[in-house]
Amino acid sequence: MADTSHTSSTPAILIATLGGQPQVVTFALDALLARGEEINDVYLLHPSLANPRTRQAWQRLQAEFTDDYYALIVNHRTTRTAPASEGAGNTG
């Protein structure tokens, strides 16, 4: 069985994608915290918030980060977002 206990001496950043299911981000964060990772920042990449499904997912996730639960665990909790450009990667 693999050793899942891990303690990090260096603070880490979680970079996650946000689609229509915001719980994927909190599942990943919970798993990292359970391993002893010290997550100081969370960066989210997502499609445009003009999409109702993405906007609703973003709002639900924001509610999780305003709750005291993550505020007590993550030292300098910051959630930053960057909408994915629709034309990114196109050269022609």
Protein backbone atom coordinates (compact mmCIF):
# COMPACT_ATOMS: atom_id res chain seq x y z
CA MET A 1 0.00 0.00 0.00
CA ALA A 2 1.35 3.44 -0.92
CA ASP A 3 2.29 5.87 1.82
CA THR A 4 -0.15 8.77 1.53
CA SER A 5 1.24 10.72 4.48
CA HIS A 6 3.20 13.68 3.25
CA THR A 7 4.19 16.92 4.83
CA SER A 8 5.29 19.83 2.74
CA SER A 9 7.86 22.29 4.00
CA THR A 10 7.10 24.70 1.15
CA PRO A 11 3.73 26.39 0.65
CA ALA A 12 1.99 25.31 -2.54
CA ILE A 13 -0.46 26.74 -5.06
CA LEU A 14 -3.45 24.80 -6.38
CA ILE A 15 -4.18 25.48 -10.05
CA ALA A 16 -7.49 23.93 -11.04
CA THR A 17 -9.97 24.07 -13.88
CA LEU A 18 -13.54 25.05 -13.14
CA GLY A 19 -16.32 23.73 -15.30
CA GLY A 20 -19.89 23.02 -14.29
CA GLN A 21 -19.01 21.00 -11.17
CA PRO A 22 -17.29 23.13 -8.51
CA GLN A 23 -16.95 20.23 -6.09
CA VAL A 24 -14.05 18.90 -8.18
CA VAL A 25 -11.98 21.87 -6.98
CA THR A 26 -12.88 21.36 -3.32
CA PHE A 27 -12.27 17.59 -3.60
CA ALA A 28 -8.76 18.27 -4.92
CA LEU A 29 -8.10 20.88 -2.24
CA ASP A 30 -9.36 18.56 0.50
CA ALA A 31 -7.14 15.72 -0.75
CA LEU A 32 -4.05 17.92 -0.81
CA LEU A 33 -4.75 19.30 2.66
CA ALA A 34 -5.29 15.76 3.98
CA ARG A 35 -1.80 14.88 2.69
CA GLY A 36 -0.36 17.73 4.72
CA GLU A 37 0.18 20.16 1.84
CA GLU A 38 0.18 23.82 2.82
CA ILE A 39 -1.91 25.52 0.13
CA ASN A 40 -1.58 29.29 0.18
CA ASP A 41 -3.32 30.19 -3.08
CA VAL A 42 -5.94 28.73 -5.38
CA TYR A 43 -5.96 29.71 -9.04
CA LEU A 44 -8.91 28.77 -11.23
CA LEU A 45 -9.03 28.54 -15.01
CA HIS A 46 -12.54 28.58 -16.42
CA PRO A 47 -14.64 29.30 -19.50
CA SER A 48 -16.41 32.63 -19.71
CA LEU A 49 -18.67 33.50 -16.79
CA ALA A 50 -21.24 34.54 -19.40
CA ASN A 51 -22.08 30.82 -19.53
CA PRO A 52 -24.82 30.28 -16.90
CA ARG A 53 -23.51 26.86 -15.85
CA THR A 54 -19.98 28.17 -15.31
CA ARG A 55 -21.27 31.26 -13.51
CA GLN A 56 -23.36 29.12 -11.15
CA ALA A 57 -20.39 26.83 -10.46
CA TRP A 58 -18.22 29.88 -9.74
CA GLN A 59 -20.81 31.31 -7.34
CA ARG A 60 -21.11 28.00 -5.48
CA LEU A 61 -17.34 27.73 -5.18
CA GLN A 62 -17.05 31.31 -3.94
CA ALA A 63 -19.51 30.45 -1.17
CA GLU A 64 -17.18 27.62 -0.07
CA PHE A 65 -14.23 29.99 0.18
CA THR A 66 -16.10 32.57 2.24
CA ASP A 67 -16.98 29.89 4.77
CA ASP A 68 -14.74 29.58 7.82
CA TYR A 69 -13.78 25.98 6.94
CA TYR A 70 -11.14 26.83 4.35
CA ALA A 71 -10.21 30.08 6.09
CA LEU A 72 -8.93 28.04 9.07
CA ILE A 73 -6.98 25.56 6.95
CA VAL A 74 -5.41 27.68 4.24
CA ASN A 75 -3.11 30.37 5.63
CA HIS A 76 -3.40 33.13 3.04
CA ARG A 77 -6.37 31.84 1.12
CA THR A 78 -6.78 33.60 -2.19
CA THR A 79 -8.90 32.52 -5.11
CA ARG A 80 -7.95 34.02 -8.44
CA THR A 81 -9.59 33.30 -11.75
CA ALA A 82 -8.60 33.52 -15.37
CA PRO A 83 -11.19 32.96 -18.07
CA ALA A 84 -9.88 30.72 -20.82
CA SER A 85 -9.55 32.54 -24.12
CA GLU A 86 -11.72 30.98 -26.81
CA GLY A 87 -9.01 31.53 -29.42
CA ALA A 88 -6.06 30.37 -27.30
CA GLY A 89 -3.65 28.17 -29.16
CA ASN A 90 -4.99 28.99 -32.62
CA THR A 91 -2.26 30.07 -35.01
CA GLY A 92 -4.24 30.22 -38.19
